[in-house]
Amino acid sequence: MELSVMSDQELHEFGIRVILPYIQKEDFIIQGVNPDIKINPQIVGQRWGSLAYVFVRTDCYPNKGTLSDKDFQWCLDWANEHSATAFFASVGVVCV
């Protein structure tokens, strides 16, 4: 049996696909999704009647997706510049 490993980009896209149904259940109106691992934010939409950005990070167990302090500050600054609310989605993937 051959073991297949996801690339970082594939893992990132998987994390976004996992998050989308969850945020829709939370009344987040999705306006756009950018699966490019190098582009922020990954998800743009409306939450609580205003612009909202979702920054998604995905990693494999035992890790969880994280933002560096520098990236965290950049995301907050970007959202503030656009009068948006910033959300962070950390996704951990485990194979069972």
PDB file of N, CA and C in Angstrom:
ATOM      1  N   MET A   1       0.838  -1.165   0.000  1.00  0.00           N
ATOM      2  CA  MET A   1       0.000   0.000   0.000  1.00  0.00           C
ATOM      3  C   MET A   1       0.894   1.241   0.000  1.00  0.00           C
ATOM      4  N   GLU A   2       0.585   2.189  -0.895  1.00  0.00           N
ATOM      5  CA  GLU A   2       1.356   3.420  -1.009  1.00  0.00           C
ATOM      6  C   GLU A   2       0.701   4.516  -0.176  1.00  0.00           C
ATOM      7  N   LEU A   3       1.531   5.203   0.618  1.00  0.00           N
ATOM      8  CA  LEU A   3       1.047   6.291   1.455  1.00  0.00           C
ATOM      9  C   LEU A   3       1.152   7.600   0.695  1.00  0.00           C
ATOM     10  N   SER A   4       0.068   8.352   0.665  1.00  0.00           N
ATOM     11  CA  SER A   4       0.053   9.640  -0.014  1.00  0.00           C
ATOM     12  C   SER A   4       0.120  10.752   1.024  1.00  0.00           C
ATOM     13  N   VAL A   5       0.954  11.745   0.767  1.00  0.00           N
ATOM     14  CA  VAL A   5       1.120  12.857   1.687  1.00  0.00           C
ATOM     15  C   VAL A   5       0.623  14.127   1.010  1.00  0.00           C
ATOM     16  N   MET A   6      -0.129  14.912   1.753  1.00  0.00           N
ATOM     17  CA  MET A   6      -0.638  16.182   1.222  1.00  0.00           C
ATOM     18  C   MET A   6       0.485  17.215   1.208  1.00  0.00           C
ATOM     19  N   SER A   7       0.489  18.030   0.175  1.00  0.00           N
ATOM     20  CA  SER A   7       1.406  19.169   0.148  1.00  0.00           C
ATOM     21  C   SER A   7       0.881  20.219   1.125  1.00  0.00           C
ATOM     22  N   ASP A   8       1.701  21.220   1.444  1.00  0.00           N
ATOM     23  CA  ASP A   8       1.250  22.299   2.325  1.00  0.00           C
ATOM     24  C   ASP A   8       0.032  23.004   1.736  1.00  0.00           C
ATOM     25  N   GLN A   9       0.042  23.210   0.411  1.00  0.00           N
ATOM     26  CA  GLN A   9      -1.093  23.871  -0.246  1.00  0.00           C
ATOM     27  C   GLN A   9      -2.361  23.025  -0.152  1.00  0.00           C
ATOM     28  N   GLU A  10      -2.244  21.718  -0.375  1.00  0.00           N
ATOM     29  CA  GLU A  10      -3.402  20.830  -0.274  1.00  0.00           C
ATOM     30  C   GLU A  10      -3.947  20.800   1.156  1.00  0.00           C
ATOM     31  N   LEU A  11      -3.055  20.775   2.132  1.00  0.00           N
ATOM     32  CA  LEU A  11      -3.466  20.782   3.530  1.00  0.00           C
ATOM     33  C   LEU A  11      -4.196  22.090   3.859  1.00  0.00           C
ATOM     34  N   HIS A  12      -3.677  23.187   3.367  1.00  0.00           N
ATOM     35  CA  HIS A  12      -4.290  24.498   3.566  1.00  0.00           C
ATOM     36  C   HIS A  12      -5.702  24.539   2.952  1.00  0.00           C
ATOM     37  N   GLU A  13      -5.834  24.063   1.733  1.00  0.00           N
ATOM     38  CA  GLU A  13      -7.138  24.036   1.063  1.00  0.00           C
ATOM     39  C   GLU A  13      -8.125  23.142   1.818  1.00  0.00           C
ATOM     40  N   PHE A  14      -7.634  22.026   2.341  1.00  0.00           N
ATOM     41  CA  PHE A  14      -8.477  21.130   3.126  1.00  0.00           C
ATOM     42  C   PHE A  14      -9.004  21.856   4.370  1.00  0.00           C
ATOM     43  N   GLY A  15      -8.128  22.589   5.045  1.00  0.00           N
ATOM     44  CA  GLY A  15      -8.537  23.345   6.226  1.00  0.00           C
ATOM     45  C   GLY A  15      -9.626  24.358   5.902  1.00  0.00           C
ATOM     46  N   ILE A  16      -9.488  25.026   4.768  1.00  0.00           N
ATOM     47  CA  ILE A  16     -10.513  25.993   4.353  1.00  0.00           C
ATOM     48  C   ILE A  16     -11.837  25.280   4.110  1.00  0.00           C
ATOM     49  N   ARG A  17     -11.800  24.136   3.425  1.00  0.00           N
ATOM     50  CA  ARG A  17     -13.034  23.380   3.159  1.00  0.00           C
ATOM     51  C   ARG A  17     -13.697  22.924   4.463  1.00  0.00           C
ATOM     52  N   VAL A  18     -12.905  22.617   5.476  1.00  0.00           N
ATOM     53  CA  VAL A  18     -13.452  22.211   6.771  1.00  0.00           C
ATOM     54  C   VAL A  18     -14.149  23.383   7.455  1.00  0.00           C
ATOM     55  N   ILE A  19     -13.575  24.558   7.358  1.00  0.00           N
ATOM     56  CA  ILE A  19     -14.093  25.736   8.050  1.00  0.00           C
ATOM     57  C   ILE A  19     -15.360  26.297   7.396  1.00  0.00           C
ATOM     58  N   LEU A  20     -15.472  26.233   6.076  1.00  0.00           N
ATOM     59  CA  LEU A  20     -16.595  26.861   5.374  1.00  0.00           C
ATOM     60  C   LEU A  20     -17.974  26.453   5.905  1.00  0.00           C
ATOM     61  N   PRO A  21     -18.282  25.172   6.048  1.00  0.00           N
ATOM     62  CA  PRO A  21     -19.624  24.829   6.554  1.00  0.00           C
ATOM     63  C   PRO A  21     -19.848  25.317   7.983  1.00  0.00           C
ATOM     64  N   TYR A  22     -18.802  25.310   8.790  1.00  0.00           N
ATOM     65  CA  TYR A  22     -18.943  25.761  10.169  1.00  0.00           C
ATOM     66  C   TYR A  22     -19.313  27.241  10.228  1.00  0.00           C
ATOM     67  N   ILE A  23     -18.589  28.077   9.481  1.00  0.00           N
ATOM     68  CA  ILE A  23     -18.890  29.508   9.569  1.00  0.00           C
ATOM     69  C   ILE A  23     -20.243  29.848   8.938  1.00  0.00           C
ATOM     70  N   GLN A  24     -20.665  29.066   7.947  1.00  0.00           N
ATOM     71  CA  GLN A  24     -21.993  29.292   7.374  1.00  0.00           C
ATOM     72  C   GLN A  24     -23.077  29.003   8.407  1.00  0.00           C
ATOM     73  N   LYS A  25     -22.881  28.000   9.247  1.00  0.00           N
ATOM     74  CA  LYS A  25     -23.836  27.703  10.318  1.00  0.00           C
ATOM     75  C   LYS A  25     -23.896  28.826  11.344  1.00  0.00           C
ATOM     76  N   GLU A  26     -22.837  29.600  11.425  1.00  0.00           N
ATOM     77  CA  GLU A  26     -22.759  30.718  12.362  1.00  0.00           C
ATOM     78  C   GLU A  26     -23.233  32.024  11.719  1.00  0.00           C
ATOM     79  N   ASP A  27     -24.010  31.907  10.642  1.00  0.00           N
ATOM     80  CA  ASP A  27     -24.584  33.067   9.939  1.00  0.00           C
ATOM     81  C   ASP A  27     -23.543  33.981   9.304  1.00  0.00           C
ATOM     82  N   PHE A  28     -22.413  33.426   8.928  1.00  0.00           N
ATOM     83  CA  PHE A  28     -21.391  34.156   8.186  1.00  0.00           C
ATOM     84  C   PHE A  28     -21.763  34.051   6.713  1.00  0.00           C
ATOM     85  N   ILE A  29     -21.903  35.177   6.047  1.00  0.00           N
ATOM     86  CA  ILE A  29     -22.239  35.186   4.619  1.00  0.00           C
ATOM     87  C   ILE A  29     -20.938  35.264   3.835  1.00  0.00           C
ATOM     88  N   ILE A  30     -20.633  34.201   3.126  1.00  0.00           N
ATOM     89  CA  ILE A  30     -19.373  34.113   2.388  1.00  0.00           C
ATOM     90  C   ILE A  30     -19.485  34.876   1.077  1.00  0.00           C
ATOM     91  N   GLN A  31     -18.554  35.795   0.863  1.00  0.00           N
ATOM     92  CA  GLN A  31     -18.507  36.562  -0.381  1.00  0.00           C
ATOM     93  C   GLN A  31     -17.357  36.126  -1.277  1.00  0.00           C
ATOM     94  N   GLY A  32     -16.327  35.555  -0.696  1.00  0.00           N
ATOM     95  CA  GLY A  32     -15.198  35.115  -1.498  1.00  0.00           C
ATOM     96  C   GLY A  32     -14.262  34.227  -0.703  1.00  0.00           C
ATOM     97  N   VAL A  33     -13.630  33.311  -1.417  1.00  0.00           N
ATOM     98  CA  VAL A  33     -12.664  32.399  -0.811  1.00  0.00           C
ATOM     99  C   VAL A  33     -11.424  32.390  -1.695  1.00  0.00           C
ATOM    100  N   ASN A  34     -10.274  32.563  -1.075  1.00  0.00           N
ATOM    101  CA  ASN A  34      -9.011  32.493  -1.801  1.00  0.00           C
ATOM    102  C   ASN A  34      -8.174  31.389  -1.172  1.00  0.00           C
ATOM    103  N   PRO A  35      -8.034  30.248  -1.866  1.00  0.00           N
ATOM    104  CA  PRO A  35      -7.314  29.127  -1.288  1.00  0.00           C
ATOM    105  C   PRO A  35      -5.789  29.234  -1.377  1.00  0.00           C
ATOM    106  N   ASP A  36      -5.271  30.295  -1.980  1.00  0.00           N
ATOM    107  CA  ASP A  36      -3.821  30.450  -2.110  1.00  0.00           C
ATOM    108  C   ASP A  36      -3.201  30.594  -0.730  1.00  0.00           C
ATOM    109  N   ILE A  37      -2.269  29.724  -0.407  1.00  0.00           N
ATOM    110  CA  ILE A  37      -1.639  29.694   0.908  1.00  0.00           C
ATOM    111  C   ILE A  37      -0.873  30.978   1.215  1.00  0.00           C
ATOM    112  N   LYS A  38      -0.505  31.721   0.185  1.00  0.00           N
ATOM    113  CA  LYS A  38       0.293  32.935   0.366  1.00  0.00           C
ATOM    114  C   LYS A  38      -0.544  34.208   0.447  1.00  0.00           C
ATOM    115  N   ILE A  39      -1.862  34.089   0.277  1.00  0.00           N
ATOM    116  CA  ILE A  39      -2.750  35.247   0.247  1.00  0.00           C
ATOM    117  C   ILE A  39      -3.612  35.284   1.511  1.00  0.00           C
ATOM    118  N   ASN A  40      -3.740  36.457   2.112  1.00  0.00           N
ATOM    119  CA  ASN A  40      -4.606  36.659   3.275  1.00  0.00           C
ATOM    120  C   ASN A  40      -5.612  37.740   2.944  1.00  0.00           C
ATOM    121  N   PRO A  41      -6.796  37.705   3.471  1.00  0.00           N
ATOM    122  CA  PRO A  41      -7.406  36.614   4.211  1.00  0.00           C
ATOM    123  C   PRO A  41      -7.875  35.512   3.266  1.00  0.00           C
ATOM    124  N   GLN A  42      -8.151  34.353   3.817  1.00  0.00           N
ATOM    125  CA  GLN A  42      -8.617  33.243   2.992  1.00  0.00           C
ATOM    126  C   GLN A  42     -10.111  33.361   2.683  1.00  0.00           C
ATOM    127  N   ILE A  43     -10.874  33.892   3.622  1.00  0.00           N
ATOM    128  CA  ILE A  43     -12.321  33.989   3.448  1.00  0.00           C
ATOM    129  C   ILE A  43     -12.758  35.423   3.752  1.00  0.00           C
ATOM    130  N   VAL A  44     -13.561  35.981   2.856  1.00  0.00           N
ATOM    131  CA  VAL A  44     -14.109  37.327   3.029  1.00  0.00           C
ATOM    132  C   VAL A  44     -15.622  37.206   3.021  1.00  0.00           C
ATOM    133  N   GLY A  45     -16.262  37.941   3.905  1.00  0.00           N
ATOM    134  CA  GLY A  45     -17.721  37.885   3.932  1.00  0.00           C
ATOM    135  C   GLY A  45     -18.314  38.915   4.862  1.00  0.00           C
ATOM    136  N   GLN A  46     -19.519  38.619   5.311  1.00  0.00           N
ATOM    137  CA  GLN A  46     -20.261  39.488   6.211  1.00  0.00           C
ATOM    138  C   GLN A  46     -20.600  38.714   7.477  1.00  0.00           C
ATOM    139  N   ARG A  47     -20.382  39.362   8.615  1.00  0.00           N
ATOM    140  CA  ARG A  47     -20.778  38.787   9.902  1.00  0.00           C
ATOM    141  C   ARG A  47     -21.279  39.930  10.750  1.00  0.00           C
ATOM    142  N   TRP A  48     -22.411  39.756  11.387  1.00  0.00           N
ATOM    143  CA  TRP A  48     -23.031  40.792  12.209  1.00  0.00           C
ATOM    144  C   TRP A  48     -23.283  42.059  11.405  1.00  0.00           C
ATOM    145  N   GLY A  49     -23.551  41.904  10.113  1.00  0.00           N
ATOM    146  CA  GLY A  49     -23.890  43.034   9.264  1.00  0.00           C
ATOM    147  C   GLY A  49     -22.713  43.875   8.800  1.00  0.00           C
ATOM    148  N   SER A  50     -21.502  43.407   9.033  1.00  0.00           N
ATOM    149  CA  SER A  50     -20.342  44.177   8.582  1.00  0.00           C
ATOM    150  C   SER A  50     -19.300  43.253   7.953  1.00  0.00           C
ATOM    151  N   LEU A  51     -18.326  43.870   7.305  1.00  0.00           N
ATOM    152  CA  LEU A  51     -17.259  43.137   6.634  1.00  0.00           C
ATOM    153  C   LEU A  51     -16.486  42.280   7.624  1.00  0.00           C
ATOM    154  N   ALA A  52     -16.157  41.065   7.214  1.00  0.00           N
ATOM    155  CA  ALA A  52     -15.413  40.155   8.085  1.00  0.00           C
ATOM    156  C   ALA A  52     -14.388  39.370   7.268  1.00  0.00           C
ATOM    157  N   TYR A  53     -13.233  39.159   7.871  1.00  0.00           N
ATOM    158  CA  TYR A  53     -12.158  38.375   7.266  1.00  0.00           C
ATOM    159  C   TYR A  53     -11.883  37.161   8.149  1.00  0.00           C
ATOM    160  N   VAL A  54     -11.683  36.011   7.501  1.00  0.00           N
ATOM    161  CA  VAL A  54     -11.284  34.811   8.222  1.00  0.00           C
ATOM    162  C   VAL A  54      -9.910  34.390   7.719  1.00  0.00           C
ATOM    163  N   PHE A  55      -8.983  34.297   8.656  1.00  0.00           N
ATOM    164  CA  PHE A  55      -7.620  33.860   8.361  1.00  0.00           C
ATOM    165  C   PHE A  55      -7.519  32.410   8.819  1.00  0.00           C
ATOM    166  N   VAL A  56      -7.172  31.508   7.903  1.00  0.00           N
ATOM    167  CA  VAL A  56      -7.175  30.078   8.184  1.00  0.00           C
ATOM    168  C   VAL A  56      -5.740  29.547   8.175  1.00  0.00           C
ATOM    169  N   ARG A  57      -5.413  28.762   9.188  1.00  0.00           N
ATOM    170  CA  ARG A  57      -4.135  28.065   9.233  1.00  0.00           C
ATOM    171  C   ARG A  57      -4.411  26.615   9.595  1.00  0.00           C
ATOM    172  N   THR A  58      -3.758  25.708   8.884  1.00  0.00           N
ATOM    173  CA  THR A  58      -3.979  24.278   9.073  1.00  0.00           C
ATOM    174  C   THR A  58      -2.636  23.586   9.280  1.00  0.00           C
ATOM    175  N   ASP A  59      -2.614  22.608  10.174  1.00  0.00           N
ATOM    176  CA  ASP A  59      -1.401  21.829  10.404  1.00  0.00           C
ATOM    177  C   ASP A  59      -1.799  20.415  10.803  1.00  0.00           C
ATOM    178  N   CYS A  60      -0.831  19.522  10.793  1.00  0.00           N
ATOM    179  CA  CYS A  60      -1.063  18.114  11.137  1.00  0.00           C
ATOM    180  C   CYS A  60      -0.749  17.854  12.606  1.00  0.00           C
ATOM    181  N   TYR A  61      -1.521  16.948  13.176  1.00  0.00           N
ATOM    182  CA  TYR A  61      -1.331  16.514  14.560  1.00  0.00           C
ATOM    183  C   TYR A  61       0.120  16.115  14.778  1.00  0.00           C
ATOM    184  N   PRO A  62       0.708  16.485  15.882  1.00  0.00           N
ATOM    185  CA  PRO A  62       0.112  17.042  17.098  1.00  0.00           C
ATOM    186  C   PRO A  62      -0.014  18.566  17.064  1.00  0.00           C
ATOM    187  N   ASN A  63       0.328  19.184  15.958  1.00  0.00           N
ATOM    188  CA  ASN A  63       0.238  20.636  15.835  1.00  0.00           C
ATOM    189  C   ASN A  63      -1.157  21.058  15.421  1.00  0.00           C
ATOM    190  N   LYS A  64      -1.433  22.342  15.609  1.00  0.00           N
ATOM    191  CA  LYS A  64      -2.643  22.988  15.108  1.00  0.00           C
ATOM    192  C   LYS A  64      -2.185  24.201  14.319  1.00  0.00           C
ATOM    193  N   GLY A  65      -3.018  24.655  13.405  1.00  0.00           N
ATOM    194  CA  GLY A  65      -2.675  25.836  12.633  1.00  0.00           C
ATOM    195  C   GLY A  65      -2.484  27.042  13.545  1.00  0.00           C
ATOM    196  N   THR A  66      -1.411  27.781  13.334  1.00  0.00           N
ATOM    197  CA  THR A  66      -1.119  28.946  14.173  1.00  0.00           C
ATOM    198  C   THR A  66      -0.696  30.133  13.316  1.00  0.00           C
ATOM    199  N   LEU A  67      -0.846  31.296  13.884  1.00  0.00           N
ATOM    200  CA  LEU A  67      -0.327  32.531  13.303  1.00  0.00           C
ATOM    201  C   LEU A  67       0.876  32.968  14.132  1.00  0.00           C
ATOM    202  N   SER A  68       1.924  33.390  13.474  1.00  0.00           N
ATOM    203  CA  SER A  68       3.045  33.974  14.209  1.00  0.00           C
ATOM    204  C   SER A  68       2.573  35.308  14.794  1.00  0.00           C
ATOM    205  N   ASP A  69       3.290  35.827  15.764  1.00  0.00           N
ATOM    206  CA  ASP A  69       2.928  37.127  16.339  1.00  0.00           C
ATOM    207  C   ASP A  69       2.899  38.202  15.263  1.00  0.00           C
ATOM    208  N   LYS A  70       3.865  38.145  14.352  1.00  0.00           N
ATOM    209  CA  LYS A  70       3.935  39.125  13.261  1.00  0.00           C
ATOM    210  C   LYS A  70       2.712  39.008  12.347  1.00  0.00           C
ATOM    211  N   ASP A  71       2.358  37.772  11.963  1.00  0.00           N
ATOM    212  CA  ASP A  71       1.192  37.554  11.102  1.00  0.00           C
ATOM    213  C   ASP A  71      -0.103  37.944  11.814  1.00  0.00           C
ATOM    214  N   PHE A  72      -0.185  37.645  13.110  1.00  0.00           N
ATOM    215  CA  PHE A  72      -1.361  38.006  13.892  1.00  0.00           C
ATOM    216  C   PHE A  72      -1.565  39.518  13.856  1.00  0.00           C
ATOM    217  N   GLN A  73      -0.506  40.260  14.102  1.00  0.00           N
ATOM    218  CA  GLN A  73      -0.609  41.717  14.095  1.00  0.00           C
ATOM    219  C   GLN A  73      -0.971  42.234  12.712  1.00  0.00           C
ATOM    220  N   TRP A  74      -0.384  41.630  11.669  1.00  0.00           N
ATOM    221  CA  TRP A  74      -0.694  42.040  10.292  1.00  0.00           C
ATOM    222  C   TRP A  74      -2.176  41.824  10.000  1.00  0.00           C
ATOM    223  N   CYS A  75      -2.718  40.683  10.396  1.00  0.00           N
ATOM    224  CA  CYS A  75      -4.134  40.375  10.157  1.00  0.00           C
ATOM    225  C   CYS A  75      -5.036  41.387  10.861  1.00  0.00           C
ATOM    226  N   LEU A  76      -4.712  41.709  12.108  1.00  0.00           N
ATOM    227  CA  LEU A  76      -5.511  42.705  12.833  1.00  0.00           C
ATOM    228  C   LEU A  76      -5.422  44.076  12.171  1.00  0.00           C
ATOM    229  N   ASP A  77      -4.221  44.469  11.771  1.00  0.00           N
ATOM    230  CA  ASP A  77      -4.045  45.764  11.111  1.00  0.00           C
ATOM    231  C   ASP A  77      -4.806  45.818   9.794  1.00  0.00           C
ATOM    232  N   TRP A  78      -4.732  44.736   9.011  1.00  0.00           N
ATOM    233  CA  TRP A  78      -5.420  44.660   7.723  1.00  0.00           C
ATOM    234  C   TRP A  78      -6.929  44.804   7.922  1.00  0.00           C
ATOM    235  N   ALA A  79      -7.464  44.090   8.903  1.00  0.00           N
ATOM    236  CA  ALA A  79      -8.898  44.162   9.176  1.00  0.00           C
ATOM    237  C   ALA A  79      -9.282  45.570   9.627  1.00  0.00           C
ATOM    238  N   ASN A  80      -8.494  46.160  10.500  1.00  0.00           N
ATOM    239  CA  ASN A  80      -8.792  47.518  10.980  1.00  0.00           C
ATOM    240  C   ASN A  80      -8.762  48.530   9.845  1.00  0.00           C
ATOM    241  N   GLU A  81      -7.805  48.400   8.943  1.00  0.00           N
ATOM    242  CA  GLU A  81      -7.706  49.313   7.796  1.00  0.00           C
ATOM    243  C   GLU A  81      -8.949  49.256   6.918  1.00  0.00           C
ATOM    244  N   HIS A  82      -9.621  48.108   6.902  1.00  0.00           N
ATOM    245  CA  HIS A  82     -10.791  47.919   6.049  1.00  0.00           C
ATOM    246  C   HIS A  82     -12.094  47.901   6.844  1.00  0.00           C
ATOM    247  N   SER A  83     -12.032  48.352   8.088  1.00  0.00           N
ATOM    248  CA  SER A  83     -13.206  48.374   8.977  1.00  0.00           C
ATOM    249  C   SER A  83     -13.898  47.017   9.013  1.00  0.00           C
ATOM    250  N   ALA A  84     -13.092  45.979   9.152  1.00  0.00           N
ATOM    251  CA  ALA A  84     -13.601  44.603   9.168  1.00  0.00           C
ATOM    252  C   ALA A  84     -13.320  43.956  10.519  1.00  0.00           C
ATOM    253  N   THR A  85     -14.074  42.908  10.798  1.00  0.00           N
ATOM    254  CA  THR A  85     -13.812  42.077  11.959  1.00  0.00           C
ATOM    255  C   THR A  85     -12.914  40.936  11.517  1.00  0.00           C
ATOM    256  N   ALA A  86     -11.867  40.669  12.287  1.00  0.00           N
ATOM    257  CA  ALA A  86     -10.935  39.589  11.952  1.00  0.00           C
ATOM    258  C   ALA A  86     -11.271  38.342  12.764  1.00  0.00           C
ATOM    259  N   PHE A  87     -11.304  37.213  12.078  1.00  0.00           N
ATOM    260  CA  PHE A  87     -11.487  35.920  12.728  1.00  0.00           C
ATOM    261  C   PHE A  87     -10.306  35.035  12.361  1.00  0.00           C
ATOM    262  N   PHE A  88      -9.899  34.175  13.285  1.00  0.00           N
ATOM    263  CA  PHE A  88      -8.825  33.233  13.025  1.00  0.00           C
ATOM    264  C   PHE A  88      -9.370  31.817  13.206  1.00  0.00           C
ATOM    265  N   ALA A  89      -9.145  30.975  12.200  1.00  0.00           N
ATOM    266  CA  ALA A  89      -9.581  29.578  12.265  1.00  0.00           C
ATOM    267  C   ALA A  89      -8.340  28.694  12.280  1.00  0.00           C
ATOM    268  N   SER A  90      -8.142  28.011  13.398  1.00  0.00           N
ATOM    269  CA  SER A  90      -7.030  27.070  13.547  1.00  0.00           C
ATOM    270  C   SER A  90      -7.567  25.664  13.306  1.00  0.00           C
ATOM    271  N   VAL A  91      -6.949  24.966  12.352  1.00  0.00           N
ATOM    272  CA  VAL A  91      -7.406  23.625  12.007  1.00  0.00           C
ATOM    273  C   VAL A  91      -6.271  22.645  12.269  1.00  0.00           C
ATOM    274  N   GLY A  92      -6.588  21.586  13.006  1.00  0.00           N
ATOM    275  CA  GLY A  92      -5.642  20.491  13.236  1.00  0.00           C
ATOM    276  C   GLY A  92      -6.170  19.251  12.558  1.00  0.00           C
ATOM    277  N   VAL A  93      -5.317  18.567  11.824  1.00  0.00           N
ATOM    278  CA  VAL A  93      -5.726  17.378  11.073  1.00  0.00           C
ATOM    279  C   VAL A  93      -4.999  16.160  11.628  1.00  0.00           C
ATOM    280  N   VAL A  94      -5.751  15.092  11.845  1.00  0.00           N
ATOM    281  CA  VAL A  94      -5.158  13.852  12.325  1.00  0.00           C
ATOM    282  C   VAL A  94      -5.693  12.706  11.485  1.00  0.00           C
ATOM    283  N   CYS A  95      -4.849  11.758  11.194  1.00  0.00           N
ATOM    284  CA  CYS A  95      -5.249  10.568  10.436  1.00  0.00           C
ATOM    285  C   CYS A  95      -5.517   9.443  11.434  1.00  0.00           C
ATOM    286  N   VAL A  96      -6.730   8.881  11.363  1.00  0.00           N
ATOM    287  CA  VAL A  96      -7.062   7.794  12.278  1.00  0.00           C
ATOM    288  C   VAL A  96      -7.366   6.533  11.522  1.00  0.00           C
TER     289      VAL A  96
END
